[in-house]
Amino acid sequence: MKVKVSRRAHFNSAHRLYRPDWSFEKNDEIFGKCNNPNFHGHNYELIVSVFGEIDQETGFVIDVKILKDLIKSEIENAFDHKNLNIEVPEFKNLNPTAENIAVVIWNKLRPHIDSDKDLEVTLYETPRNFVSFSG
């Protein structure tokens, strides 16, 4: 019997969606106002979920305190109040779309979650726009 345990977190970040190999006009056509050369920001909401068997000794799938601390150290400290394009190394050559941010978050967390557990990351860029990635 697998159980899903989730922890919600948030971070505020700025970014610009663009491809340096495209003209400003093409970037503007594809990314619209998200192509602002002066960047723009979001209040991201993050849900990290771990799926697994309940440990018979502890009753936990994962200790939520451990998950909380992991999200803080690996994600919030790295992304909160940062310009993703400039200050986060993973986006030096990767467009910081919500999809790519979710994959980067998953990749940062996955090594810290026991291999017998599944991991899912859901990232809300706005209350209505969100993506999920589970590997």
Protein backbone atom coordinates (compact mmCIF):
# COMPACT_ATOMS: atom_id res chain seq x y z
CA MET A 1 0.00 0.00 0.00
CA LYS A 2 1.60 3.26 -1.18
CA VAL A 3 0.78 6.54 0.53
CA LYS A 4 1.46 10.04 -0.78
CA VAL A 5 2.95 12.59 1.64
CA SER A 6 3.13 16.22 0.48
CA ARG A 7 4.72 19.42 1.70
CA ARG A 8 3.82 22.89 0.38
CA ALA A 9 6.43 25.64 0.14
CA HIS A 10 6.88 28.89 -1.74
CA PHE A 11 9.55 31.11 -3.18
CA ASN A 12 9.62 34.40 -5.04
CA SER A 13 11.81 34.64 -8.13
CA ALA A 14 12.32 36.76 -11.21
CA HIS A 15 13.00 35.40 -14.67
CA ARG A 16 12.89 36.16 -18.37
CA LEU A 17 11.73 33.65 -20.95
CA TYR A 18 13.80 34.00 -24.08
CA ARG A 19 16.27 32.23 -26.35
CA PRO A 20 19.45 34.17 -27.06
CA ASP A 21 19.69 32.55 -30.50
CA TRP A 22 16.34 34.09 -31.53
CA SER A 23 15.62 37.67 -32.49
CA PHE A 24 13.84 39.94 -30.03
CA GLU A 25 10.81 39.81 -32.34
CA LYS A 26 10.64 36.02 -32.37
CA ASN A 27 11.13 35.88 -28.57
CA ASP A 28 8.37 38.47 -28.20
CA GLU A 29 6.06 36.48 -30.48
CA ILE A 30 6.60 33.22 -28.55
CA PHE A 31 7.02 34.44 -24.96
CA GLY A 32 5.09 37.76 -24.99
CA LYS A 33 5.37 39.82 -21.82
CA CYS A 34 7.46 37.04 -20.25
CA ASN A 35 10.24 38.17 -22.64
CA ASN A 36 10.64 41.47 -20.77
CA PRO A 37 14.40 42.29 -20.93
CA ASN A 38 14.07 43.73 -17.40
CA PHE A 39 12.65 40.43 -16.13
CA HIS A 40 9.42 39.81 -14.21
CA GLY A 41 8.58 37.87 -11.09
CA HIS A 42 6.30 35.23 -9.68
CA ASN A 43 5.26 34.05 -6.24
CA TYR A 44 5.79 30.36 -6.90
CA GLU A 45 3.92 27.75 -4.88
CA LEU A 46 5.60 24.38 -4.69
CA ILE A 47 4.17 21.03 -3.65
CA VAL A 48 6.65 18.22 -3.17
CA SER A 49 5.10 14.76 -2.82
CA VAL A 50 6.76 11.51 -1.80
CA PHE A 51 5.02 8.18 -2.48
CA GLY A 52 5.94 5.04 -0.65
CA GLU A 53 5.17 2.30 1.81
CA ILE A 54 4.48 3.22 5.42
CA ASP A 55 7.40 2.33 7.67
CA GLN A 56 6.03 -0.10 10.25
CA GLU A 57 8.24 1.27 13.05
CA THR A 58 7.63 5.00 12.58
CA GLY A 59 4.30 5.04 10.77
CA PHE A 60 5.83 7.50 8.26
CA VAL A 61 6.41 7.31 4.53
CA ILE A 62 8.86 10.17 5.11
CA ASP A 63 9.29 12.40 8.13
CA VAL A 64 7.69 15.70 7.05
CA LYS A 65 10.33 17.62 9.04
CA ILE A 66 13.03 16.01 6.90
CA LEU A 67 11.08 16.92 3.74
CA LYS A 68 10.60 20.49 5.00
CA ASP A 69 14.32 20.91 5.73
CA LEU A 70 15.25 19.40 2.37
CA ILE A 71 12.99 21.80 0.46
CA LYS A 72 14.42 24.71 2.46
CA SER A 73 18.07 23.80 1.90
CA GLU A 74 17.88 22.63 -1.72
CA ILE A 75 15.14 24.83 -3.22
CA GLU A 76 14.11 27.83 -1.16
CA ASN A 77 17.69 28.84 -0.34
CA ALA A 78 18.69 28.45 -4.00
CA PHE A 79 15.67 30.12 -5.66
CA ASP A 80 13.97 32.52 -3.22
CA HIS A 81 14.43 36.21 -4.07
CA LYS A 82 16.75 35.31 -6.94
CA ASN A 83 16.84 36.12 -10.61
CA LEU A 84 16.70 32.61 -12.03
CA ASN A 85 18.41 33.53 -15.31
CA ILE A 86 21.36 35.23 -13.59
CA GLU A 87 21.75 33.77 -10.09
CA VAL A 88 20.78 30.09 -10.43
CA PRO A 89 23.45 28.05 -12.24
CA GLU A 90 20.98 25.45 -13.57
CA PHE A 91 19.39 28.16 -15.75
CA LYS A 92 22.58 29.57 -17.24
CA ASN A 93 21.78 27.73 -20.49
CA LEU A 94 18.22 26.58 -19.76
CA ASN A 95 15.10 28.71 -20.30
CA PRO A 96 13.44 29.03 -16.84
CA THR A 97 9.94 28.04 -17.90
CA ALA A 98 7.69 26.52 -15.24
CA GLU A 99 8.27 23.14 -16.88
CA ASN A 100 12.06 23.46 -16.68
CA ILE A 101 11.95 24.83 -13.13
CA ALA A 102 9.89 21.82 -12.01
CA VAL A 103 12.37 19.39 -13.60
CA VAL A 104 15.34 21.20 -12.01
CA ILE A 105 13.63 21.06 -8.60
CA TRP A 106 12.94 17.34 -9.02
CA ASN A 107 16.57 16.73 -10.02
CA LYS A 108 17.83 18.66 -6.98
CA LEU A 109 15.58 16.71 -4.59
CA ARG A 110 15.72 13.20 -6.10
CA PRO A 111 19.19 12.25 -4.74
CA HIS A 112 17.99 13.01 -1.19
CA ILE A 113 14.87 10.79 -1.32
CA ASP A 114 15.22 7.05 -0.73
CA SER A 115 15.28 5.18 -4.04
CA ASP A 116 12.32 2.99 -3.00
CA LYS A 117 10.13 6.12 -2.88
CA ASP A 118 8.63 8.03 -5.81
CA LEU A 119 8.87 11.81 -6.04
CA GLU A 120 6.52 14.32 -7.66
CA VAL A 121 6.99 18.08 -7.93
CA THR A 122 4.05 20.39 -8.66
CA LEU A 123 4.91 24.02 -9.30
CA TYR A 124 2.33 26.80 -9.45
CA GLU A 125 3.58 29.82 -11.39
CA THR A 126 0.21 31.50 -10.86
CA PRO A 127 -2.87 30.22 -9.03
CA ARG A 128 -4.20 28.98 -12.40
CA ASN A 129 -1.01 27.87 -14.17
CA PHE A 130 0.92 24.91 -12.82
CA VAL A 131 3.01 21.97 -13.94
CA SER A 132 3.82 18.59 -12.41
CA PHE A 133 6.84 16.37 -12.93
CA SER A 134 7.45 12.90 -11.51
CA GLY A 135 10.55 11.72 -13.31
